[in-house]
Amino acid sequence: MENKVRAHAIISGRVQGVFFRVETKHAADGFGVFGWVKNRRDGSVEALFEGDRDRVGAVLEWCKEGPAHAQVSDVKVDWQDYAGEFSGFDITY
């Protein structure tokens, strides 16, 4: 269990209107990471990732670049205790 982590991320920059949520889902699914992603009213994207430490780290690294038309300026991560509450990765609203 100690290899499992939970990371709450706020991704800032040009991250809305560039397929960031859809591509984050593809990245999370590809790495076998569970959780969710959504747009925030302030123009940023919020995500919660759960899974193996290395896999969550890989998705967070992907978030620093994002999809082709994104311009990520910052990724703030709050590491939390793993809860194991997800069985997939969803786009939420």
Protein backbone atom coordinates (compact mmCIF):
# COMPACT_ATOMS: atom_id res chain seq x y z
CA MET A 1 0.00 0.00 0.00
CA GLU A 2 2.90 2.40 0.64
CA ASN A 3 3.56 2.57 -3.11
CA LYS A 4 0.06 3.99 -3.72
CA VAL A 5 -0.38 7.76 -3.73
CA ARG A 6 -3.01 10.44 -4.27
CA ALA A 7 -2.19 13.79 -5.85
CA HIS A 8 -4.51 16.79 -6.18
CA ALA A 9 -3.29 19.09 -8.96
CA ILE A 10 -4.16 22.57 -10.21
CA ILE A 11 -2.82 23.21 -13.72
CA SER A 12 -2.61 26.84 -14.82
CA GLY A 13 -1.92 28.59 -18.12
CA ARG A 14 -3.66 28.16 -21.44
CA VAL A 15 -5.31 24.88 -20.45
CA GLN A 16 -8.97 25.33 -21.36
CA GLY A 17 -10.25 25.04 -24.92
CA VAL A 18 -7.22 22.96 -25.95
CA PHE A 19 -8.54 19.44 -25.16
CA PHE A 20 -6.61 19.33 -21.89
CA ARG A 21 -9.24 17.30 -20.01
CA VAL A 22 -9.68 14.73 -22.79
CA GLU A 23 -5.93 14.31 -23.23
CA THR A 24 -5.43 14.08 -19.45
CA LYS A 25 -7.93 11.23 -19.42
CA HIS A 26 -6.02 9.51 -22.23
CA ALA A 27 -2.75 9.94 -20.32
CA ALA A 28 -4.24 8.69 -17.04
CA ASP A 29 -5.86 5.71 -18.75
CA GLY A 30 -2.58 4.92 -20.49
CA PHE A 31 -0.68 4.91 -17.21
CA GLY A 32 -3.42 3.06 -15.30
CA VAL A 33 -4.11 6.00 -12.99
CA PHE A 34 -7.58 6.62 -11.53
CA GLY A 35 -9.37 9.81 -10.52
CA TRP A 36 -10.91 12.78 -12.32
CA VAL A 37 -10.22 16.04 -14.16
CA LYS A 38 -12.35 19.17 -14.58
CA ASN A 39 -12.23 22.80 -15.67
CA ARG A 40 -12.34 25.50 -13.01
CA ARG A 41 -14.07 28.86 -13.32
CA ASP A 42 -10.76 30.70 -13.03
CA GLY A 43 -9.47 29.16 -16.29
CA SER A 44 -7.31 26.50 -14.68
CA VAL A 45 -7.80 22.72 -14.72
CA GLU A 46 -8.13 20.66 -11.54
CA ALA A 47 -7.36 16.95 -11.30
CA LEU A 48 -7.14 14.22 -8.71
CA PHE A 49 -4.90 11.26 -9.46
CA GLU A 50 -4.60 7.97 -7.56
CA GLY A 51 -2.40 4.98 -8.24
CA ASP A 52 1.16 3.70 -8.12
CA ARG A 53 3.64 6.46 -7.22
CA ASP A 54 5.61 6.13 -10.47
CA ARG A 55 2.49 6.16 -12.64
CA VAL A 56 0.96 9.18 -10.90
CA GLY A 57 4.33 10.91 -11.25
CA ALA A 58 4.34 10.17 -14.98
CA VAL A 59 0.88 11.70 -15.44
CA LEU A 60 1.94 14.77 -13.46
CA GLU A 61 5.00 15.12 -15.71
CA TRP A 62 2.70 14.91 -18.72
CA CYS A 63 0.54 17.68 -17.20
CA LYS A 64 3.55 20.03 -17.24
CA GLU A 65 3.36 20.01 -21.05
CA GLY A 66 -0.22 18.96 -21.79
CA PRO A 67 -1.63 18.60 -25.29
CA ALA A 68 -0.17 20.32 -28.35
CA HIS A 69 -1.98 23.68 -28.06
CA ALA A 70 -1.73 24.04 -24.28
CA GLN A 71 0.69 26.44 -22.64
CA VAL A 72 1.12 25.26 -19.08
CA SER A 73 2.54 27.89 -16.75
CA ASP A 74 2.27 26.02 -13.44
CA VAL A 75 1.30 22.68 -11.90
CA LYS A 76 0.63 22.85 -8.17
CA VAL A 77 0.45 19.45 -6.48
CA ASP A 78 -0.91 18.61 -3.05
CA TRP A 79 0.11 15.07 -2.05
CA GLN A 80 -2.56 13.34 0.01
CA ASP A 81 -3.13 9.96 1.61
CA TYR A 82 -4.19 7.27 -0.84
CA ALA A 83 -7.90 6.50 -0.50
CA GLY A 84 -8.50 3.96 -3.28
CA GLU A 85 -11.95 5.36 -3.99
CA PHE A 86 -11.84 5.29 -7.82
CA SER A 87 -12.18 2.48 -10.35
CA GLY A 88 -11.40 4.57 -13.45
CA PHE A 89 -10.60 8.07 -14.63
CA ASP A 90 -13.40 10.51 -15.44
CA ILE A 91 -13.93 13.96 -16.87
CA THR A 92 -16.21 15.77 -14.44
CA TYR A 93 -18.07 19.07 -14.70
